[in-house]
């Protein structure tokens, strides 16, 4: 996979996680552990994207 392809794939996953976080936060009984995990995954992808864009 090319570098641009990998960046696009990670960006799509980042957007998907953002949507999942938003959906979970709107639930009346939002699960804090689920939110924490989703946010951690999103941050990890953000760091990978930053690393790939620099190289």
N, C-alpha and C. Protein backbone atom coordinates (compact mmCIF):
# COMPACT_ATOMS: atom_id res chain seq x y z
N UNK A 1 0.84 -1.18 0.00
CA UNK A 1 0.00 0.00 0.00
C UNK A 1 0.89 1.24 0.00
N UNK A 2 0.50 2.23 -0.77
CA UNK A 2 1.27 3.46 -0.85
C UNK A 2 1.09 4.29 0.43
N UNK A 3 1.97 5.25 0.58
CA UNK A 3 1.91 6.13 1.75
C UNK A 3 0.59 6.91 1.77
N UNK A 4 0.20 7.43 0.60
CA UNK A 4 -1.07 8.18 0.55
C UNK A 4 -2.26 7.28 0.84
N UNK A 5 -2.19 6.04 0.40
CA UNK A 5 -3.27 5.09 0.68
C UNK A 5 -3.39 4.81 2.16
N UNK A 6 -2.25 4.64 2.81
CA UNK A 6 -2.24 4.39 4.26
C UNK A 6 -2.78 5.60 5.02
N UNK A 7 -2.37 6.80 4.59
CA UNK A 7 -2.86 8.02 5.23
C UNK A 7 -4.37 8.14 5.07
N UNK A 8 -4.87 7.83 3.87
CA UNK A 8 -6.31 7.90 3.63
C UNK A 8 -7.06 6.89 4.49
N UNK A 9 -6.50 5.68 4.61
CA UNK A 9 -7.13 4.65 5.42
C UNK A 9 -7.20 5.07 6.89
N UNK A 10 -6.10 5.60 7.40
CA UNK A 10 -6.08 6.04 8.80
C UNK A 10 -7.01 7.22 9.02
N UNK A 11 -7.07 8.14 8.06
CA UNK A 11 -7.97 9.29 8.19
C UNK A 11 -9.43 8.83 8.23
N UNK A 12 -9.77 7.83 7.44
CA UNK A 12 -11.14 7.30 7.44
C UNK A 12 -11.45 6.65 8.79
N UNK A 13 -10.49 5.90 9.34
CA UNK A 13 -10.69 5.29 10.66
C UNK A 13 -10.85 6.36 11.73
N UNK A 14 -10.08 7.43 11.60
CA UNK A 14 -10.15 8.55 12.56
C UNK A 14 -11.55 9.17 12.53
N UNK A 15 -12.07 9.41 11.34
CA UNK A 15 -13.42 9.98 11.20
C UNK A 15 -14.48 9.04 11.77
N UNK A 16 -14.29 7.74 11.50
CA UNK A 16 -15.24 6.74 12.00
C UNK A 16 -15.25 6.73 13.53
N UNK A 17 -14.08 6.79 14.13
CA UNK A 17 -14.00 6.82 15.59
C UNK A 17 -14.65 8.09 16.13
N UNK A 18 -14.47 9.20 15.44
CA UNK A 18 -15.09 10.46 15.85
C UNK A 18 -16.61 10.33 15.87
N UNK A 19 -17.15 9.67 14.85
CA UNK A 19 -18.60 9.45 14.79
C UNK A 19 -19.06 8.52 15.91
N UNK A 20 -18.28 7.48 16.18
CA UNK A 20 -18.63 6.56 17.26
C UNK A 20 -18.63 7.27 18.61
N UNK A 21 -17.64 8.13 18.82
CA UNK A 21 -17.56 8.88 20.07
C UNK A 21 -18.77 9.79 20.21
N UNK A 22 -19.10 10.48 19.14
CA UNK A 22 -20.25 11.38 19.16
C UNK A 22 -21.54 10.62 19.47
N UNK A 23 -21.71 9.48 18.84
CA UNK A 23 -22.90 8.66 19.07
C UNK A 23 -22.97 8.19 20.52
N UNK A 24 -21.84 7.74 21.04
CA UNK A 24 -21.80 7.24 22.43
C UNK A 24 -22.11 8.38 23.41
N UNK A 25 -21.59 9.57 23.14
CA UNK A 25 -21.81 10.70 24.04
C UNK A 25 -23.27 11.14 24.06
N UNK A 26 -23.99 10.90 22.98
CA UNK A 26 -25.39 11.30 22.89
C UNK A 26 -26.31 10.33 23.62
N UNK A 27 -25.82 9.13 23.90
CA UNK A 27 -26.63 8.15 24.60
C UNK A 27 -26.89 8.62 26.03
N UNK A 28 -28.10 8.39 26.53
CA UNK A 28 -28.41 8.81 27.91
C UNK A 28 -27.51 8.15 28.95
N UNK A 29 -27.14 6.91 28.72
CA UNK A 29 -26.28 6.21 29.68
C UNK A 29 -24.94 5.89 29.03
N UNK A 30 -24.24 6.94 28.59
CA UNK A 30 -22.96 6.76 27.93
C UNK A 30 -21.99 6.01 28.83
N UNK A 31 -21.28 5.06 28.24
CA UNK A 31 -20.32 4.24 28.98
C UNK A 31 -18.96 4.93 28.97
N UNK A 32 -18.53 5.36 30.12
CA UNK A 32 -17.27 6.08 30.23
C UNK A 32 -16.07 5.27 29.77
N UNK A 33 -16.08 3.97 30.05
CA UNK A 33 -14.96 3.12 29.64
C UNK A 33 -14.90 2.98 28.12
N UNK A 34 -16.05 2.86 27.49
CA UNK A 34 -16.11 2.76 26.03
C UNK A 34 -15.60 4.07 25.43
N UNK A 35 -16.05 5.19 25.97
CA UNK A 35 -15.60 6.49 25.47
C UNK A 35 -14.09 6.65 25.61
N UNK A 36 -13.58 6.25 26.75
CA UNK A 36 -12.14 6.35 26.99
C UNK A 36 -11.36 5.52 25.99
N UNK A 37 -11.84 4.31 25.72
CA UNK A 37 -11.18 3.43 24.77
C UNK A 37 -11.23 4.00 23.35
N UNK A 38 -12.39 4.51 22.95
CA UNK A 38 -12.53 5.10 21.62
C UNK A 38 -11.61 6.30 21.45
N UNK A 39 -11.56 7.14 22.47
CA UNK A 39 -10.70 8.33 22.41
C UNK A 39 -9.22 7.94 22.36
N UNK A 40 -8.87 6.89 23.08
CA UNK A 40 -7.48 6.41 23.06
C UNK A 40 -7.11 5.89 21.66
N UNK A 41 -8.04 5.14 21.05
CA UNK A 41 -7.80 4.65 19.69
C UNK A 41 -7.66 5.82 18.70
N UNK A 42 -8.52 6.82 18.86
CA UNK A 42 -8.48 7.98 17.98
C UNK A 42 -7.15 8.73 18.12
N UNK A 43 -6.68 8.87 19.34
CA UNK A 43 -5.41 9.54 19.58
C UNK A 43 -4.25 8.76 18.96
N UNK A 44 -4.29 7.44 19.09
CA UNK A 44 -3.24 6.60 18.52
C UNK A 44 -3.19 6.78 16.99
N UNK A 45 -4.35 6.81 16.36
CA UNK A 45 -4.40 7.00 14.90
C UNK A 45 -3.90 8.39 14.54
N UNK A 46 -4.28 9.39 15.33
CA UNK A 46 -3.83 10.76 15.07
C UNK A 46 -2.30 10.84 15.11
N UNK A 47 -1.70 10.16 16.08
CA UNK A 47 -0.24 10.15 16.19
C UNK A 47 0.40 9.44 14.99
N UNK A 48 -0.23 8.35 14.55
CA UNK A 48 0.29 7.64 13.38
C UNK A 48 0.21 8.53 12.14
N UNK A 49 -0.91 9.23 11.99
CA UNK A 49 -1.06 10.14 10.85
C UNK A 49 0.00 11.23 10.87
N UNK A 50 0.23 11.81 12.04
CA UNK A 50 1.23 12.87 12.15
C UNK A 50 2.61 12.32 11.78
N UNK A 51 2.92 11.14 12.24
CA UNK A 51 4.21 10.51 11.94
C UNK A 51 4.37 10.25 10.45
N UNK A 52 3.31 9.76 9.82
CA UNK A 52 3.37 9.47 8.38
C UNK A 52 3.49 10.73 7.54
N UNK A 53 2.81 11.79 7.95
CA UNK A 53 2.86 13.04 7.19
C UNK A 53 4.21 13.72 7.28
N UNK A 54 4.92 13.50 8.38
CA UNK A 54 6.23 14.09 8.56
C UNK A 54 7.26 13.36 7.70
N UNK A 55 7.10 12.03 7.55
CA UNK A 55 8.09 11.27 6.80
C UNK A 55 7.92 11.37 5.31
